Amino acid sequence: MATPPESTKISVGQRLRAHAAAHWPQTGELEFRYRGAFVYVEAHLPDGTTQPLIRLRYGGSARHWGFGLYLASSDRYENQILPSGFPSGSPEEALDCACRLCLGNPA
């Protein structure tokens, strides 16, 4: 698996922060961790709790990423299919899917 270049890491972080601020303000601050081909995204909610959200898997394109959703029941990330029916898509699509499931409707 390819590791995303630094410019892609910066870009995906900026894109997701802007998207969350515009559509999911209840996520508070997003934090990103990078391990190999994976980007782990968690939200630091306004009430002080931390909510793991998604794991993105880089496949060589800054536009399309694989998507794993954090499942509290197993304390793991599980690969998922996006609402579009595809196993990969934009980071924003993955964030929207996770936030709908974890946080409900956007404010």
PDB file of N, CA and C in Angstrom:
ATOM      1  N   MET A   1       0.836  -1.189   0.000  1.00  0.00           N
ATOM      2  CA  MET A   1       0.000   0.000   0.000  1.00  0.00           C
ATOM      3  C   MET A   1       0.872   1.240   0.000  1.00  0.00           C
ATOM      4  N   ALA A   2       0.435   2.193  -0.778  1.00  0.00           N
ATOM      5  CA  ALA A   2       1.160   3.453  -0.888  1.00  0.00           C
ATOM      6  C   ALA A   2       0.902   4.322   0.338  1.00  0.00           C
ATOM      7  N   THR A   3       1.901   5.079   0.713  1.00  0.00           N
ATOM      8  CA  THR A   3       1.762   6.052   1.790  1.00  0.00           C
ATOM      9  C   THR A   3       1.478   7.408   1.163  1.00  0.00           C
ATOM     10  N   PRO A   4       0.488   8.138   1.669  1.00  0.00           N
ATOM     11  CA  PRO A   4       0.195   9.438   1.050  1.00  0.00           C
ATOM     12  C   PRO A   4       1.348  10.413   1.241  1.00  0.00           C
ATOM     13  N   PRO A   5       1.643  11.209   0.211  1.00  0.00           N
ATOM     14  CA  PRO A   5       2.680  12.230   0.365  1.00  0.00           C
ATOM     15  C   PRO A   5       2.240  13.289   1.368  1.00  0.00           C
ATOM     16  N   GLU A   6       3.194  14.010   1.892  1.00  0.00           N
ATOM     17  CA  GLU A   6       2.910  15.037   2.903  1.00  0.00           C
ATOM     18  C   GLU A   6       1.888  16.058   2.397  1.00  0.00           C
ATOM     19  N   SER A   7       1.991  16.434   1.131  1.00  0.00           N
ATOM     20  CA  SER A   7       1.039  17.409   0.582  1.00  0.00           C
ATOM     21  C   SER A   7      -0.392  16.870   0.615  1.00  0.00           C
ATOM     22  N   THR A   8      -0.569  15.582   0.398  1.00  0.00           N
ATOM     23  CA  THR A   8      -1.897  14.976   0.444  1.00  0.00           C
ATOM     24  C   THR A   8      -2.403  14.923   1.877  1.00  0.00           C
ATOM     25  N   LYS A   9      -1.533  14.617   2.817  1.00  0.00           N
ATOM     26  CA  LYS A   9      -1.920  14.617   4.234  1.00  0.00           C
ATOM     27  C   LYS A   9      -2.417  15.998   4.652  1.00  0.00           C
ATOM     28  N   ILE A  10      -1.691  17.020   4.249  1.00  0.00           N
ATOM     29  CA  ILE A  10      -2.082  18.391   4.591  1.00  0.00           C
ATOM     30  C   ILE A  10      -3.412  18.732   3.930  1.00  0.00           C
ATOM     31  N   SER A  11      -3.543  18.384   2.659  1.00  0.00           N
ATOM     32  CA  SER A  11      -4.754  18.691   1.893  1.00  0.00           C
ATOM     33  C   SER A  11      -5.985  18.009   2.482  1.00  0.00           C
ATOM     34  N   VAL A  12      -5.889  16.726   2.803  1.00  0.00           N
ATOM     35  CA  VAL A  12      -7.059  16.018   3.332  1.00  0.00           C
ATOM     36  C   VAL A  12      -7.451  16.585   4.692  1.00  0.00           C
ATOM     37  N   GLY A  13      -6.487  16.962   5.498  1.00  0.00           N
ATOM     38  CA  GLY A  13      -6.797  17.590   6.782  1.00  0.00           C
ATOM     39  C   GLY A  13      -7.517  18.913   6.611  1.00  0.00           C
ATOM     40  N   GLN A  14      -7.032  19.734   5.694  1.00  0.00           N
ATOM     41  CA  GLN A  14      -7.673  21.024   5.439  1.00  0.00           C
ATOM     42  C   GLN A  14      -9.084  20.841   4.894  1.00  0.00           C
ATOM     43  N   ARG A  15      -9.239  19.920   3.973  1.00  0.00           N
ATOM     44  CA  ARG A  15     -10.552  19.667   3.372  1.00  0.00           C
ATOM     45  C   ARG A  15     -11.559  19.195   4.414  1.00  0.00           C
ATOM     46  N   LEU A  16     -11.140  18.252   5.263  1.00  0.00           N
ATOM     47  CA  LEU A  16     -12.073  17.718   6.254  1.00  0.00           C
ATOM     48  C   LEU A  16     -12.399  18.728   7.346  1.00  0.00           C
ATOM     49  N   ARG A  17     -11.425  19.524   7.742  1.00  0.00           N
ATOM     50  CA  ARG A  17     -11.714  20.567   8.740  1.00  0.00           C
ATOM     51  C   ARG A  17     -12.721  21.580   8.182  1.00  0.00           C
ATOM     52  N   ALA A  18     -12.528  21.999   6.941  1.00  0.00           N
ATOM     53  CA  ALA A  18     -13.440  22.960   6.328  1.00  0.00           C
ATOM     54  C   ALA A  18     -14.833  22.345   6.163  1.00  0.00           C
ATOM     55  N   HIS A  19     -14.885  21.096   5.744  1.00  0.00           N
ATOM     56  CA  HIS A  19     -16.174  20.423   5.557  1.00  0.00           C
ATOM     57  C   HIS A  19     -16.895  20.258   6.896  1.00  0.00           C
ATOM     58  N   ALA A  20     -16.175  19.853   7.912  1.00  0.00           N
ATOM     59  CA  ALA A  20     -16.791  19.687   9.234  1.00  0.00           C
ATOM     60  C   ALA A  20     -17.296  21.017   9.772  1.00  0.00           C
ATOM     61  N   ALA A  21     -16.525  22.071   9.608  1.00  0.00           N
ATOM     62  CA  ALA A  21     -16.952  23.388  10.098  1.00  0.00           C
ATOM     63  C   ALA A  21     -18.229  23.847   9.397  1.00  0.00           C
ATOM     64  N   ALA A  22     -18.345  23.550   8.106  1.00  0.00           N
ATOM     65  CA  ALA A  22     -19.511  23.988   7.332  1.00  0.00           C
ATOM     66  C   ALA A  22     -20.738  23.102   7.546  1.00  0.00           C
ATOM     67  N   HIS A  23     -20.528  21.791   7.759  1.00  0.00           N
ATOM     68  CA  HIS A  23     -21.652  20.860   7.786  1.00  0.00           C
ATOM     69  C   HIS A  23     -21.855  20.130   9.110  1.00  0.00           C
ATOM     70  N   TRP A  24     -20.821  20.030   9.919  1.00  0.00           N
ATOM     71  CA  TRP A  24     -20.875  19.264  11.165  1.00  0.00           C
ATOM     72  C   TRP A  24     -20.215  20.046  12.298  1.00  0.00           C
ATOM     73  N   PRO A  25     -20.725  21.213  12.632  1.00  0.00           N
ATOM     74  CA  PRO A  25     -20.067  22.019  13.673  1.00  0.00           C
ATOM     75  C   PRO A  25     -20.023  21.317  15.030  1.00  0.00           C
ATOM     76  N   GLN A  26     -20.921  20.353  15.254  1.00  0.00           N
ATOM     77  CA  GLN A  26     -20.911  19.646  16.524  1.00  0.00           C
ATOM     78  C   GLN A  26     -19.722  18.704  16.674  1.00  0.00           C
ATOM     79  N   THR A  27     -18.913  18.535  15.615  1.00  0.00           N
ATOM     80  CA  THR A  27     -17.722  17.691  15.751  1.00  0.00           C
ATOM     81  C   THR A  27     -16.627  18.370  16.550  1.00  0.00           C
ATOM     82  N   GLY A  28     -16.714  19.681  16.730  1.00  0.00           N
ATOM     83  CA  GLY A  28     -15.627  20.377  17.423  1.00  0.00           C
ATOM     84  C   GLY A  28     -14.364  20.307  16.577  1.00  0.00           C
ATOM     85  N   GLU A  29     -13.253  20.057  17.210  1.00  0.00           N
ATOM     86  CA  GLU A  29     -11.954  19.988  16.527  1.00  0.00           C
ATOM     87  C   GLU A  29     -11.695  18.572  16.030  1.00  0.00           C
ATOM     88  N   LEU A  30     -11.258  18.441  14.780  1.00  0.00           N
ATOM     89  CA  LEU A  30     -10.869  17.141  14.252  1.00  0.00           C
ATOM     90  C   LEU A  30      -9.381  16.926  14.470  1.00  0.00           C
ATOM     91  N   GLU A  31      -9.027  15.698  14.798  1.00  0.00           N
ATOM     92  CA  GLU A  31      -7.616  15.319  14.957  1.00  0.00           C
ATOM     93  C   GLU A  31      -7.314  14.195  13.974  1.00  0.00           C
ATOM     94  N   PHE A  32      -6.114  14.225  13.417  1.00  0.00           N
ATOM     95  CA  PHE A  32      -5.701  13.255  12.412  1.00  0.00           C
ATOM     96  C   PHE A  32      -4.438  12.543  12.872  1.00  0.00           C
ATOM     97  N   ARG A  33      -4.420  11.225  12.686  1.00  0.00           N
ATOM     98  CA  ARG A  33      -3.223  10.415  12.925  1.00  0.00           C
ATOM     99  C   ARG A  33      -2.945   9.647  11.638  1.00  0.00           C
ATOM    100  N   TYR A  34      -1.684   9.529  11.309  1.00  0.00           N
ATOM    101  CA  TYR A  34      -1.283   8.877  10.071  1.00  0.00           C
ATOM    102  C   TYR A  34      -0.424   7.664  10.396  1.00  0.00           C
ATOM    103  N   ARG A  35      -0.799   6.528   9.790  1.00  0.00           N
ATOM    104  CA  ARG A  35      -0.015   5.301   9.925  1.00  0.00           C
ATOM    105  C   ARG A  35       0.013   4.621   8.565  1.00  0.00           C
ATOM    106  N   GLY A  36       1.155   4.652   7.915  1.00  0.00           N
ATOM    107  CA  GLY A  36       1.263   4.040   6.597  1.00  0.00           C
ATOM    108  C   GLY A  36       0.271   4.645   5.632  1.00  0.00           C
ATOM    109  N   ALA A  37      -0.568   3.790   5.044  1.00  0.00           N
ATOM    110  CA  ALA A  37      -1.554   4.236   4.059  1.00  0.00           C
ATOM    111  C   ALA A  37      -2.832   4.755   4.711  1.00  0.00           C
ATOM    112  N   PHE A  38      -2.903   4.758   6.043  1.00  0.00           N
ATOM    113  CA  PHE A  38      -4.137   5.098   6.738  1.00  0.00           C
ATOM    114  C   PHE A  38      -4.097   6.465   7.404  1.00  0.00           C
ATOM    115  N   VAL A  39      -5.269   7.111   7.393  1.00  0.00           N
ATOM    116  CA  VAL A  39      -5.497   8.356   8.129  1.00  0.00           C
ATOM    117  C   VAL A  39      -6.661   8.083   9.077  1.00  0.00           C
ATOM    118  N   TYR A  40      -6.415   8.251  10.362  1.00  0.00           N
ATOM    119  CA  TYR A  40      -7.453   8.061  11.378  1.00  0.00           C
ATOM    120  C   TYR A  40      -7.962   9.433  11.793  1.00  0.00           C
ATOM    121  N   VAL A  41      -9.292   9.583  11.798  1.00  0.00           N
ATOM    122  CA  VAL A  41      -9.905  10.872  12.104  1.00  0.00           C
ATOM    123  C   VAL A  41     -10.793  10.706  13.328  1.00  0.00           C
ATOM    124  N   GLU A  42     -10.577  11.579  14.314  1.00  0.00           N
ATOM    125  CA  GLU A  42     -11.459  11.593  15.469  1.00  0.00           C
ATOM    126  C   GLU A  42     -11.872  13.023  15.777  1.00  0.00           C
ATOM    127  N   ALA A  43     -13.036  13.134  16.405  1.00  0.00           N
ATOM    128  CA  ALA A  43     -13.585  14.444  16.752  1.00  0.00           C
ATOM    129  C   ALA A  43     -13.412  14.674  18.247  1.00  0.00           C
ATOM    130  N   HIS A  44     -12.998  15.871  18.583  1.00  0.00           N
ATOM    131  CA  HIS A  44     -12.955  16.302  19.980  1.00  0.00           C
ATOM    132  C   HIS A  44     -14.204  17.149  20.192  1.00  0.00           C
ATOM    133  N   LEU A  45     -15.236  16.516  20.722  1.00  0.00           N
ATOM    134  CA  LEU A  45     -16.548  17.133  20.847  1.00  0.00           C
ATOM    135  C   LEU A  45     -16.554  18.252  21.879  1.00  0.00           C
ATOM    136  N   PRO A  46     -17.459  19.209  21.725  1.00  0.00           N
ATOM    137  CA  PRO A  46     -17.524  20.347  22.645  1.00  0.00           C
ATOM    138  C   PRO A  46     -17.711  19.953  24.115  1.00  0.00           C
ATOM    139  N   ASP A  47     -18.302  18.781  24.383  1.00  0.00           N
ATOM    140  CA  ASP A  47     -18.484  18.363  25.779  1.00  0.00           C
ATOM    141  C   ASP A  47     -17.224  17.748  26.385  1.00  0.00           C
ATOM    142  N   GLY A  48     -16.125  17.732  25.610  1.00  0.00           N
ATOM    143  CA  GLY A  48     -14.853  17.234  26.116  1.00  0.00           C
ATOM    144  C   GLY A  48     -14.563  15.781  25.781  1.00  0.00           C
ATOM    145  N   THR A  49     -15.517  15.073  25.200  1.00  0.00           N
ATOM    146  CA  THR A  49     -15.270  13.680  24.833  1.00  0.00           C
ATOM    147  C   THR A  49     -14.599  13.605  23.464  1.00  0.00           C
ATOM    148  N   THR A  50     -13.955  12.479  23.243  1.00  0.00           N
ATOM    149  CA  THR A  50     -13.318  12.211  21.957  1.00  0.00           C
ATOM    150  C   THR A  50     -14.072  11.079  21.285  1.00  0.00           C
ATOM    151  N   GLN A  51     -14.426  11.276  20.020  1.00  0.00           N
ATOM    152  CA  GLN A  51     -15.187  10.279  19.260  1.00  0.00           C
ATOM    153  C   GLN A  51     -14.387   9.850  18.037  1.00  0.00           C
ATOM    154  N   PRO A  52     -13.842   8.620  18.031  1.00  0.00           N
ATOM    155  CA  PRO A  52     -13.225   8.129  16.798  1.00  0.00           C
ATOM    156  C   PRO A  52     -14.298   8.057  15.713  1.00  0.00           C
ATOM    157  N   LEU A  53     -13.958   8.482  14.513  1.00  0.00           N
ATOM    158  CA  LEU A  53     -14.954   8.521  13.441  1.00  0.00           C
ATOM    159  C   LEU A  53     -14.624   7.568  12.297  1.00  0.00           C
ATOM    160  N   ILE A  54     -13.528   7.843  11.600  1.00  0.00           N
ATOM    161  CA  ILE A  54     -13.246   7.097  10.375  1.00  0.00           C
ATOM    162  C   ILE A  54     -11.757   6.772  10.244  1.00  0.00           C
ATOM    163  N   ARG A  55     -11.536   5.794   9.395  1.00  0.00           N
ATOM    164  CA  ARG A  55     -10.188   5.480   8.928  1.00  0.00           C
ATOM    165  C   ARG A  55     -10.241   5.558   7.416  1.00  0.00           C
ATOM    166  N   LEU A  56      -9.411   6.400   6.853  1.00  0.00           N
ATOM    167  CA  LEU A  56      -9.302   6.520   5.406  1.00  0.00           C
ATOM    168  C   LEU A  56      -8.099   5.710   4.944  1.00  0.00           C
ATOM    169  N   ARG A  57      -8.241   5.013   3.829  1.00  0.00           N
ATOM    170  CA  ARG A  57      -7.144   4.223   3.271  1.00  0.00           C
ATOM    171  C   ARG A  57      -6.735   4.828   1.932  1.00  0.00           C
ATOM    172  N   TYR A  58      -5.510   5.304   1.866  1.00  0.00           N
ATOM    173  CA  TYR A  58      -4.982   5.933   0.659  1.00  0.00           C
ATOM    174  C   TYR A  58      -4.688   4.863  -0.383  1.00  0.00           C
ATOM    175  N   GLY A  59      -5.164   5.107  -1.585  1.00  0.00           N
ATOM    176  CA  GLY A  59      -4.933   4.162  -2.675  1.00  0.00           C
ATOM    177  C   GLY A  59      -4.213   4.782  -3.846  1.00  0.00           C
ATOM    178  N   GLY A  60      -3.565   5.927  -3.628  1.00  0.00           N
ATOM    179  CA  GLY A  60      -2.826   6.568  -4.696  1.00  0.00           C
ATOM    180  C   GLY A  60      -3.478   7.822  -5.246  1.00  0.00           C
ATOM    181  N   SER A  61      -4.690   8.124  -4.801  1.00  0.00           N
ATOM    182  CA  SER A  61      -5.396   9.306  -5.272  1.00  0.00           C
ATOM    183  C   SER A  61      -5.845  10.148  -4.091  1.00  0.00           C
ATOM    184  N   ALA A  62      -5.656  11.447  -4.203  1.00  0.00           N
ATOM    185  CA  ALA A  62      -6.101  12.348  -3.139  1.00  0.00           C
ATOM    186  C   ALA A  62      -7.619  12.523  -3.155  1.00  0.00           C
ATOM    187  N   ARG A  63      -8.276  12.100  -4.238  1.00  0.00           N
ATOM    188  CA  ARG A  63      -9.730  12.271  -4.377  1.00  0.00           C
ATOM    189  C   ARG A  63     -10.534  11.070  -3.896  1.00  0.00           C
ATOM    190  N   HIS A  64      -9.990   9.880  -4.005  1.00  0.00           N
ATOM    191  CA  HIS A  64     -10.728   8.666  -3.648  1.00  0.00           C
ATOM    192  C   HIS A  64      -9.948   7.873  -2.611  1.00  0.00           C
ATOM    193  N   TRP A  65     -10.629   7.596  -1.502  1.00  0.00           N
ATOM    194  CA  TRP A  65     -10.031   6.872  -0.379  1.00  0.00           C
ATOM    195  C   TRP A  65     -10.953   5.725   0.004  1.00  0.00           C
ATOM    196  N   GLY A  66     -10.367   4.640   0.480  1.00  0.00           N
ATOM    197  CA  GLY A  66     -11.157   3.596   1.109  1.00  0.00           C
ATOM    198  C   GLY A  66     -11.653   4.108   2.447  1.00  0.00           C
ATOM    199  N   PHE A  67     -12.677   3.485   2.985  1.00  0.00           N
ATOM    200  CA  PHE A  67     -13.364   4.019   4.142  1.00  0.00           C
ATOM    201  C   PHE A  67     -13.617   2.929   5.169  1.00  0.00           C
ATOM    202  N   GLY A  68     -13.208   3.182   6.382  1.00  0.00           N
ATOM    203  CA  GLY A  68     -13.532   2.314   7.503  1.00  0.00           C
ATOM    204  C   GLY A  68     -14.219   3.136   8.576  1.00  0.00           C
ATOM    205  N   LEU A  69     -15.248   2.582   9.162  1.00  0.00           N
ATOM    206  CA  LEU A  69     -16.008   3.256  10.210  1.00  0.00           C
ATOM    207  C   LEU A  69     -15.611   2.665  11.558  1.00  0.00           C
ATOM    208  N   TYR A  70     -15.445   3.522  12.561  1.00  0.00           N
ATOM    209  CA  TYR A  70     -15.142   3.040  13.903  1.00  0.00           C
ATOM    210  C   TYR A  70     -16.400   2.444  14.518  1.00  0.00           C
ATOM    211  N   LEU A  71     -16.278   1.224  15.023  1.00  0.00           N
ATOM    212  CA  LEU A  71     -17.388   0.554  15.690  1.00  0.00           C
ATOM    213  C   LEU A  71     -17.039   0.392  17.166  1.00  0.00           C
ATOM    214  N   ALA A  72     -17.762   1.084  18.017  1.00  0.00           N
ATOM    215  CA  ALA A  72     -17.497   1.021  19.454  1.00  0.00           C
ATOM    216  C   ALA A  72     -17.700  -0.387  19.991  1.00  0.00           C
ATOM    217  N   SER A  73     -18.629  -1.139  19.408  1.00  0.00           N
ATOM    218  CA  SER A  73     -18.926  -2.481  19.895  1.00  0.00           C
ATOM    219  C   SER A  73     -17.726  -3.420  19.809  1.00  0.00           C
ATOM    220  N   SER A  74     -16.858  -3.195  18.835  1.00  0.00           N
ATOM    221  CA  SER A  74     -15.667  -4.035  18.683  1.00  0.00           C
ATOM    222  C   SER A  74     -14.376  -3.263  18.938  1.00  0.00           C
ATOM    223  N   ASP A  75     -14.496  -1.942  19.150  1.00  0.00           N
ATOM    224  CA  ASP A  75     -13.335  -1.073  19.344  1.00  0.00           C
ATOM    225  C   ASP A  75     -12.365  -1.198  18.173  1.00  0.00           C
ATOM    226  N   ARG A  76     -12.935  -1.280  16.961  1.00  0.00           N
ATOM    227  CA  ARG A  76     -12.131  -1.427  15.744  1.00  0.00           C
ATOM    228  C   ARG A  76     -12.750  -0.611  14.619  1.00  0.00           C
ATOM    229  N   TYR A  77     -11.940  -0.425  13.586  1.00  0.00           N
ATOM    230  CA  TYR A  77     -12.430   0.168  12.346  1.00  0.00           C
ATOM    231  C   TYR A  77     -12.757  -0.975  11.401  1.00  0.00           C
ATOM    232  N   GLU A  78     -13.931  -0.913  10.796  1.00  0.00           N
ATOM    233  CA  GLU A  78     -14.368  -1.938   9.846  1.00  0.00           C
ATOM    234  C   GLU A  78     -14.594  -1.279   8.492  1.00  0.00           C
ATOM    235  N   ASN A  79     -14.083  -1.921   7.431  1.00  0.00           N
ATOM    236  CA  ASN A  79     -14.309  -1.406   6.084  1.00  0.00           C
ATOM    237  C   ASN A  79     -15.803  -1.314   5.817  1.00  0.00           C
ATOM    238  N   GLN A  80     -16.198  -0.263   5.120  1.00  0.00           N
ATOM    239  CA  GLN A  80     -17.600  -0.004   4.859  1.00  0.00           C
ATOM    240  C   GLN A  80     -17.801   0.367   3.394  1.00  0.00           C
ATOM    241  N   ILE A  81     -19.034   0.318   2.987  1.00  0.00           N
ATOM    242  CA  ILE A  81     -19.460   0.818   1.685  1.00  0.00           C
ATOM    243  C   ILE A  81     -20.121   2.168   1.943  1.00  0.00           C
ATOM    244  N   LEU A  82     -19.777   3.154   1.154  1.00  0.00           N
ATOM    245  CA  LEU A  82     -20.376   4.483   1.306  1.00  0.00           C
ATOM    246  C   LEU A  82     -21.836   4.463   0.856  1.00  0.00           C
ATOM    247  N   PRO A  83     -22.645   5.428   1.277  1.00  0.00           N
ATOM    248  CA  PRO A  83     -24.040   5.486   0.829  1.00  0.00           C
ATOM    249  C   PRO A  83     -24.188   5.499  -0.694  1.00  0.00           C
ATOM    250  N   SER A  84     -23.151   5.937  -1.393  1.00  0.00           N
ATOM    251  CA  SER A  84     -23.182   5.924  -2.863  1.00  0.00           C
ATOM    252  C   SER A  84     -23.149   4.508  -3.426  1.00  0.00           C
ATOM    253  N   GLY A  85     -22.805   3.526  -2.572  1.00  0.00           N
ATOM    254  CA  GLY A  85     -22.694   2.142  -3.018  1.00  0.00           C
ATOM    255  C   GLY A  85     -21.290   1.737  -3.390  1.00  0.00           C
ATOM    256  N   PHE A  86     -20.353   2.672  -3.328  1.00  0.00           N
ATOM    257  CA  PHE A  86     -18.972   2.393  -3.688  1.00  0.00           C
ATOM    258  C   PHE A  86     -18.112   2.167  -2.443  1.00  0.00           C
ATOM    259  N   PRO A  87     -17.057   1.350  -2.568  1.00  0.00           N
ATOM    260  CA  PRO A  87     -16.180   1.107  -1.426  1.00  0.00           C
ATOM    261  C   PRO A  87     -15.155   2.221  -1.194  1.00  0.00           C
ATOM    262  N   SER A  88     -15.094   3.168  -2.112  1.00  0.00           N
ATOM    263  CA  SER A  88     -14.191   4.300  -1.929  1.00  0.00           C
ATOM    264  C   SER A  88     -14.863   5.556  -2.449  1.00  0.00           C
ATOM    265  N   GLY A  89     -14.382   6.691  -1.952  1.00  0.00           N
ATOM    266  CA  GLY A  89     -14.953   7.966  -2.366  1.00  0.00           C
ATOM    267  C   GLY A  89     -14.159   9.100  -1.751  1.00  0.00           C
ATOM    268  N   SER A  90     -14.755  10.259  -1.718  1.00  0.00           N
ATOM    269  CA  SER A  90     -14.043  11.417  -1.181  1.00  0.00           C
ATOM    270  C   SER A  90     -13.986  11.338   0.345  1.00  0.00           C
ATOM    271  N   PRO A  91     -12.983  11.956   0.938  1.00  0.00           N
ATOM    272  CA  PRO A  91     -12.926  12.016   2.396  1.00  0.00           C
ATOM    273  C   PRO A  91     -14.175  12.666   3.000  1.00  0.00           C
ATOM    274  N   GLU A  92     -14.718  13.643   2.292  1.00  0.00           N
ATOM    275  CA  GLU A  92     -15.921  14.318   2.776  1.00  0.00           C
ATOM    276  C   GLU A  92     -17.117  13.364   2.830  1.00  0.00           C
ATOM    277  N   GLU A  93     -17.248  12.489   1.825  1.00  0.00           N
ATOM    278  CA  GLU A  93     -18.329  11.500   1.845  1.00  0.00           C
ATOM    279  C   GLU A  93     -18.199  10.579   3.056  1.00  0.00           C
ATOM    280  N   ALA A  94     -16.981  10.153   3.335  1.00  0.00           N
ATOM    281  CA  ALA A  94     -16.740   9.269   4.482  1.00  0.00           C
ATOM    282  C   ALA A  94     -17.066   9.981   5.790  1.00  0.00           C
ATOM    283  N   LEU A  95     -16.650  11.240   5.912  1.00  0.00           N
ATOM    284  CA  LEU A  95     -16.951  12.001   7.123  1.00  0.00           C
ATOM    285  C   LEU A  95     -18.457  12.187   7.281  1.00  0.00           C
ATOM    286  N   ASP A  96     -19.161  12.514   6.198  1.00  0.00           N
ATOM    287  CA  ASP A  96     -20.611  12.672   6.262  1.00  0.00           C
ATOM    288  C   ASP A  96     -21.286  11.387   6.742  1.00  0.00           C
ATOM    289  N   CYS A  97     -20.853  10.265   6.207  1.00  0.00           N
ATOM    290  CA  CYS A  97     -21.441   8.984   6.590  1.00  0.00           C
ATOM    291  C   CYS A  97     -21.240   8.732   8.085  1.00  0.00           C
ATOM    292  N   ALA A  98     -20.035   8.906   8.567  1.00  0.00           N
ATOM    293  CA  ALA A  98     -19.742   8.667   9.980  1.00  0.00           C
ATOM    294  C   ALA A  98     -20.494   9.638  10.878  1.00  0.00           C
ATOM    295  N   CYS A  99     -20.539  10.895  10.508  1.00  0.00           N
ATOM    296  CA  CYS A  99     -21.210  11.893  11.343  1.00  0.00           C
ATOM    297  C   CYS A  99     -22.711  11.656  11.387  1.00  0.00           C
ATOM    298  N   ARG A 100     -23.303  11.242  10.265  1.00  0.00           N
ATOM    299  CA  ARG A 100     -24.739  10.925  10.286  1.00  0.00           C
ATOM    300  C   ARG A 100     -25.033   9.798  11.264  1.00  0.00           C
ATOM    301  N   LEU A 101     -24.164   8.798  11.266  1.00  0.00           N
ATOM    302  CA  LEU A 101     -24.370   7.646  12.143  1.00  0.00           C
ATOM    303  C   LEU A 101     -24.062   7.962  13.606  1.00  0.00           C
ATOM    304  N   CYS A 102     -22.985   8.704  13.835  1.00  0.00           N
ATOM    305  CA  CYS A 102     -22.511   8.949  15.205  1.00  0.00           C
ATOM    306  C   CYS A 102     -23.121  10.169  15.861  1.00  0.00           C
ATOM    307  N   LEU A 103     -23.419  11.189  15.063  1.00  0.00           N
ATOM    308  CA  LEU A 103     -23.818  12.475  15.634  1.00  0.00           C
ATOM    309  C   LEU A 103     -25.226  12.912  15.258  1.00  0.00           C
ATOM    310  N   GLY A 104     -25.870  12.225  14.344  1.00  0.00           N
ATOM    311  CA  GLY A 104     -27.216  12.617  13.937  1.00  0.00           C
ATOM    312  C   GLY A 104     -27.195  13.664  12.839  1.00  0.00           C
ATOM    313  N   ASN A 105     -28.273  14.396  12.727  1.00  0.00           N
ATOM    314  CA  ASN A 105     -28.414  15.411  11.682  1.00  0.00           C
ATOM    315  C   ASN A 105     -27.512  16.601  11.937  1.00  0.00           C
ATOM    316  N   PRO A 106     -26.988  17.224  10.852  1.00  0.00           N
ATOM    317  CA  PRO A 106     -26.154  18.400  11.034  1.00  0.00           C
ATOM    318  C   PRO A 106     -26.953  19.555  11.626  1.00  0.00           C
ATOM    319  N   ALA A 107     -26.246  20.409  12.335  1.00  0.00           N
ATOM    320  CA  ALA A 107     -26.906  21.578  12.962  1.00  0.00           C
ATOM    321  C   ALA A 107     -27.320  22.581  11.920  1.00  0.00           C
TER     322      ALA A 107
END
